Amino acid sequence: DGTVVITAAEWTELSLVPIPAFSSATITDVAASADAPDTEIHNLETQEHKVSDIEAAGPEAAPTAAPILFAQPKKAPRLPSAGEWMAAYHQGGDTFAKVNASVVEWRKENQSTYEAAAGDVLTTDTPGLLPVPVLGPLVQNVNFVRPVVNRLGARAYPDGGAQKTFIRPTITTHTSVAAQSPELSAVSATTMVIASNSVSKTTLAGQVTLSAQDIDFTSPAAMQLILNDLMGEYMLASD
């Protein structure tokens, strides 16, 4: 019926795969024996010839076995050059991740026996021993100055500030002076107009809620820093 049963053969390799080429290709028993006699070798050669004849008859005569894939040794990692590492760092993303991973693999592959035996201790393993210093003073990126007030000066509110508004007069139209020509002719005459500008009183204020614990526990003290910042913001708002 075209079925070939091999009873003896030379064992050259054993491959364990999750999905075999044929569903019935399972290993049920493994045994060893002494050198086979010449008769068994002759029978094996005869069976091999029969298999060749079946394969030559056509693809429908016998199924074609899947090619054997032998295990390949892992390729040794290569240490990238400094230029390659810098170029990958500039590109970022997956490119730098792969180059950096090759550096890590090369270091593990080429580490000494002492390094391989020693355990790696990183900063993530000792968070309780890492101090967290506060580098002072506090960085202030706002320049608290009042150039307009400093140039013109500050004045007290008129009449002690009892009222909400006051009037500040300004000239909107000035008089005029021009050359008289000819003599005894009319001279330049312009009526001066004074506007009545009403100025309303404005209150500037800011608020920050600060807990008692924040006042006692912070170093540098947060309360004085917050008060200084409020004063600076008032200077900017009042200018």
Protein backbone atom coordinates (compact mmCIF):
# COMPACT_ATOMS: atom_id res chain seq x y z
CA ASP A 1 0.00 0.00 0.00
CA GLY A 2 3.04 2.34 -0.19
CA THR A 3 3.63 2.44 3.57
CA VAL A 4 7.27 2.22 4.63
CA VAL A 5 8.07 1.00 8.14
CA ILE A 6 11.61 1.73 9.34
CA THR A 7 12.67 -0.64 12.09
CA ALA A 8 16.28 0.46 12.43
CA ALA A 9 18.22 3.60 11.53
CA GLU A 10 21.15 5.74 12.60
CA TRP A 11 20.07 8.37 15.09
CA THR A 12 21.70 11.69 14.15
CA GLU A 13 19.41 14.26 15.71
CA LEU A 14 16.32 14.56 17.90
CA SER A 15 14.17 17.66 17.38
CA LEU A 16 11.39 18.52 19.82
CA VAL A 17 8.83 20.77 18.13
CA PRO A 18 5.36 21.84 19.30
CA ILE A 19 3.73 20.96 15.94
CA PRO A 20 5.23 17.95 14.05
CA ALA A 21 5.18 17.56 10.28
CA PHE A 22 2.76 14.63 10.65
CA SER A 23 0.18 14.26 13.42
CA SER A 24 1.31 10.69 14.08
CA ALA A 25 4.99 11.63 14.39
CA THR A 26 5.21 11.20 18.15
CA ILE A 27 7.97 9.72 20.33
CA THR A 28 6.63 6.79 22.34
CA ASP A 29 9.85 4.96 23.31
CA VAL A 30 13.64 5.45 23.15
CA ALA A 31 16.01 2.49 23.38
CA ALA A 32 19.66 1.79 22.62
CA SER A 33 21.21 -1.36 21.10
CA ALA A 34 24.56 -2.67 19.98
CA ASP A 35 25.84 -2.36 16.43
CA ALA A 36 23.30 -3.77 14.01
CA PRO A 37 24.34 -6.84 11.98
CA ASP A 38 24.94 -6.68 8.24
CA THR A 39 21.52 -8.12 7.45
CA GLU A 40 19.74 -5.27 9.24
CA ILE A 41 21.92 -2.73 7.46
CA HIS A 42 21.06 -4.38 4.14
CA ASN A 43 17.34 -4.25 4.95
CA LEU A 44 17.68 -0.58 5.88
CA GLU A 45 19.38 0.23 2.58
CA THR A 46 16.65 -1.64 0.70
CA GLN A 47 13.97 0.34 2.51
CA GLU A 48 15.78 3.60 1.70
CA HIS A 49 15.72 2.68 -1.98
CA LYS A 50 11.99 2.02 -1.72
CA VAL A 51 11.46 5.45 -0.21
CA SER A 52 13.42 7.03 -3.06
CA ASP A 53 11.32 5.14 -5.60
CA ILE A 54 8.11 6.37 -3.99
CA GLU A 55 9.30 9.96 -3.99
CA ALA A 56 10.28 9.70 -7.67
CA ALA A 57 6.85 8.36 -8.63
CA GLY A 58 5.13 11.68 -7.97
CA PRO A 59 3.93 14.03 -5.25
CA GLU A 60 0.81 11.91 -4.61
CA ALA A 61 2.78 8.73 -3.92
CA ALA A 62 4.14 9.85 -0.51
CA PRO A 63 3.87 13.06 1.51
CA THR A 64 6.85 15.38 1.45
CA ALA A 65 8.41 15.79 4.87
CA ALA A 66 9.01 19.30 6.18
CA PRO A 67 12.63 20.48 6.06
CA ILE A 68 14.57 19.99 9.27
CA LEU A 69 15.48 23.27 10.97
CA PHE A 70 18.62 22.88 13.02
CA ALA A 71 19.30 25.10 16.04
CA GLN A 72 21.51 28.06 15.26
CA PRO A 73 23.95 29.59 17.76
CA LYS A 74 23.00 33.01 19.09
CA LYS A 75 24.81 35.82 17.33
CA ALA A 76 27.33 37.51 19.58
CA PRO A 77 26.36 41.12 20.41
CA ARG A 78 28.45 43.87 18.84
CA LEU A 79 29.50 46.97 20.74
CA PRO A 80 28.46 50.04 18.68
CA SER A 81 30.97 52.79 18.18
CA ALA A 82 30.74 56.14 19.92
CA GLY A 83 29.58 57.80 16.70
CA GLU A 84 26.83 55.22 16.20
CA TRP A 85 25.67 55.64 19.80
CA MET A 86 25.57 59.46 19.53
CA ALA A 87 23.72 59.33 16.20
CA ALA A 88 21.15 56.94 17.66
CA TYR A 89 20.80 59.18 20.75
CA HIS A 90 20.07 62.12 18.45
CA GLN A 91 17.40 60.15 16.55
CA GLY A 92 15.87 58.72 19.74
CA GLY A 93 12.87 56.39 19.73
CA ASP A 94 13.29 52.75 18.78
CA THR A 95 16.64 53.41 17.11
CA PHE A 96 18.31 54.51 20.34
CA ALA A 97 16.51 51.81 22.34
CA LYS A 98 17.96 49.07 20.10
CA VAL A 99 21.48 50.53 20.13
CA ASN A 100 21.41 50.96 23.89
CA ALA A 101 20.11 47.41 24.30
CA SER A 102 23.04 46.10 22.23
CA VAL A 103 25.43 47.93 24.57
CA VAL A 104 23.79 46.29 27.59
CA GLU A 105 23.93 42.84 25.94
CA TRP A 106 27.59 43.31 25.00
CA ARG A 107 28.45 44.31 28.57
CA LYS A 108 26.70 41.22 29.96
CA GLU A 109 28.40 38.99 27.38
CA ASN A 110 31.86 40.37 28.13
CA GLN A 111 31.67 40.83 31.89
CA SER A 112 34.28 39.20 34.03
CA THR A 113 33.69 36.26 36.33
CA TYR A 114 33.76 38.58 39.31
CA GLU A 115 31.14 40.87 37.74
CA ALA A 116 28.93 37.91 36.84
CA ALA A 117 29.09 36.58 40.40
CA ALA A 118 28.37 39.93 42.08
CA GLY A 119 24.83 41.17 42.48
CA ASP A 120 23.78 44.48 40.94
CA VAL A 121 22.53 47.06 43.43
CA LEU A 122 20.96 50.16 41.89
CA THR A 123 19.60 53.35 43.39
CA THR A 124 16.09 51.99 42.90
CA ASP A 125 16.98 49.23 45.39
CA THR A 126 18.03 51.64 48.17
CA PRO A 127 15.53 54.53 48.15
CA GLY A 128 15.64 54.82 51.95
CA LEU A 129 19.35 55.68 51.90
CA LEU A 130 19.20 58.43 49.30
CA PRO A 131 19.05 61.95 50.79
CA VAL A 132 16.88 64.58 49.10
CA PRO A 133 18.63 67.93 49.62
CA VAL A 134 16.94 71.28 49.03
CA LEU A 135 19.26 73.64 47.21
CA GLY A 136 18.43 77.20 48.18
CA PRO A 137 17.66 79.96 47.96
CA LEU A 138 14.31 79.82 46.20
CA VAL A 139 14.60 80.67 42.49
CA GLN A 140 12.52 83.77 41.75
CA ASN A 141 11.97 84.44 38.05
CA VAL A 142 9.91 87.64 38.48
CA ASN A 143 11.60 91.02 38.86
CA PHE A 144 9.63 92.91 41.51
CA VAL A 145 10.08 96.56 40.46
CA ARG A 146 7.72 99.52 39.89
CA PRO A 147 9.39 101.78 37.32
CA VAL A 148 6.34 104.05 36.81
CA VAL A 149 5.75 104.58 40.53
CA ASN A 150 9.45 105.11 41.15
CA ARG A 151 9.63 107.68 38.36
CA LEU A 152 6.50 109.70 39.27
CA GLY A 153 6.38 109.01 42.97
CA ALA A 154 3.48 107.97 45.20
CA ARG A 155 0.99 110.39 46.69
CA ALA A 156 -1.46 110.08 49.55
CA TYR A 157 -5.15 109.78 48.72
CA PRO A 158 -6.80 113.24 48.78
CA ASP A 159 -8.81 114.26 51.86
CA GLY A 160 -7.61 111.24 53.81
CA GLY A 161 -9.25 108.74 51.47
CA ALA A 162 -12.73 109.07 52.96
CA GLN A 163 -14.41 109.11 49.55
CA LYS A 164 -14.54 106.49 46.80
CA THR A 165 -13.69 108.85 43.88
CA PHE A 166 -11.93 112.13 43.18
CA ILE A 167 -11.49 114.46 40.20
CA ARG A 168 -8.20 114.81 38.37
CA PRO A 169 -8.33 117.71 35.85
CA THR A 170 -6.31 117.54 32.65
CA ILE A 171 -5.94 119.93 29.74
CA THR A 172 -7.40 118.56 26.55
CA THR A 173 -6.98 121.73 24.41
CA HIS A 174 -4.19 124.22 24.99
CA THR A 175 -4.02 127.91 24.05
CA SER A 176 -2.00 128.89 20.98
CA VAL A 177 0.69 131.42 20.19
CA ALA A 178 1.76 132.34 16.63
CA ALA A 179 3.61 135.13 14.82
CA GLN A 180 1.55 138.30 14.05
CA SER A 181 1.51 139.25 10.38
CA PRO A 182 0.99 142.00 9.37
CA GLU A 183 1.19 144.47 12.22
CA LEU A 184 -2.02 145.37 14.06
CA SER A 185 -3.70 142.24 12.68
CA ALA A 186 -5.54 139.72 14.86
CA VAL A 187 -3.37 137.40 16.85
CA SER A 188 -3.79 133.68 17.44
CA ALA A 189 -6.53 132.84 19.90
CA THR A 190 -7.50 129.32 21.10
CA THR A 191 -9.80 128.48 23.99
CA MET A 192 -8.30 126.14 26.56
CA VAL A 193 -10.43 123.12 27.45
CA ILE A 194 -9.97 121.35 30.80
CA ALA A 195 -11.43 117.88 31.25
CA SER A 196 -12.76 116.54 34.52
CA ASN A 197 -11.41 112.99 34.95
CA SER A 198 -13.02 110.89 37.65
CA VAL A 199 -10.65 108.49 39.40
CA SER A 200 -12.13 105.55 41.35
CA LYS A 201 -10.49 103.98 44.33
CA THR A 202 -9.18 100.44 43.69
CA THR A 203 -8.28 97.79 46.22
CA LEU A 204 -5.46 95.34 45.43
CA ALA A 205 -5.40 92.14 47.48
CA GLY A 206 -4.23 88.54 47.33
CA GLN A 207 -4.89 85.51 49.52
CA VAL A 208 -3.08 82.25 50.27
CA THR A 209 -4.30 79.57 52.69
CA LEU A 210 -1.35 78.07 54.58
CA SER A 211 -1.61 75.20 57.04
CA ALA A 212 0.07 75.31 60.44
CA GLN A 213 2.01 72.16 59.55
CA ASP A 214 3.35 73.81 56.40
CA ILE A 215 4.54 76.76 58.47
CA ASP A 216 6.32 74.54 61.02
CA PHE A 217 7.65 71.74 58.84
CA THR A 218 9.00 73.53 55.75
CA SER A 219 12.66 74.46 55.48
CA PRO A 220 13.29 77.08 54.15
CA ALA A 221 10.17 78.49 55.83
CA ALA A 222 7.35 78.66 53.30
CA MET A 223 5.44 81.45 55.06
CA GLN A 224 8.04 84.16 54.55
CA LEU A 225 8.62 83.11 50.94
CA ILE A 226 4.88 83.32 50.22
CA LEU A 227 4.62 86.76 51.86
CA ASN A 228 7.54 88.02 49.77
CA ASP A 229 5.89 86.71 46.62
CA LEU A 230 2.58 88.39 47.51
CA MET A 231 4.42 91.67 48.02
CA GLY A 232 6.13 91.33 44.64
CA GLU A 233 2.88 90.57 42.85
CA TYR A 234 1.31 93.65 44.52
CA MET A 235 4.16 95.79 43.18
CA LEU A 236 3.56 94.56 39.64
CA ALA A 237 -0.22 95.01 39.86
CA SER A 238 0.01 98.52 41.35
CA ASP A 239 2.43 99.83 38.73
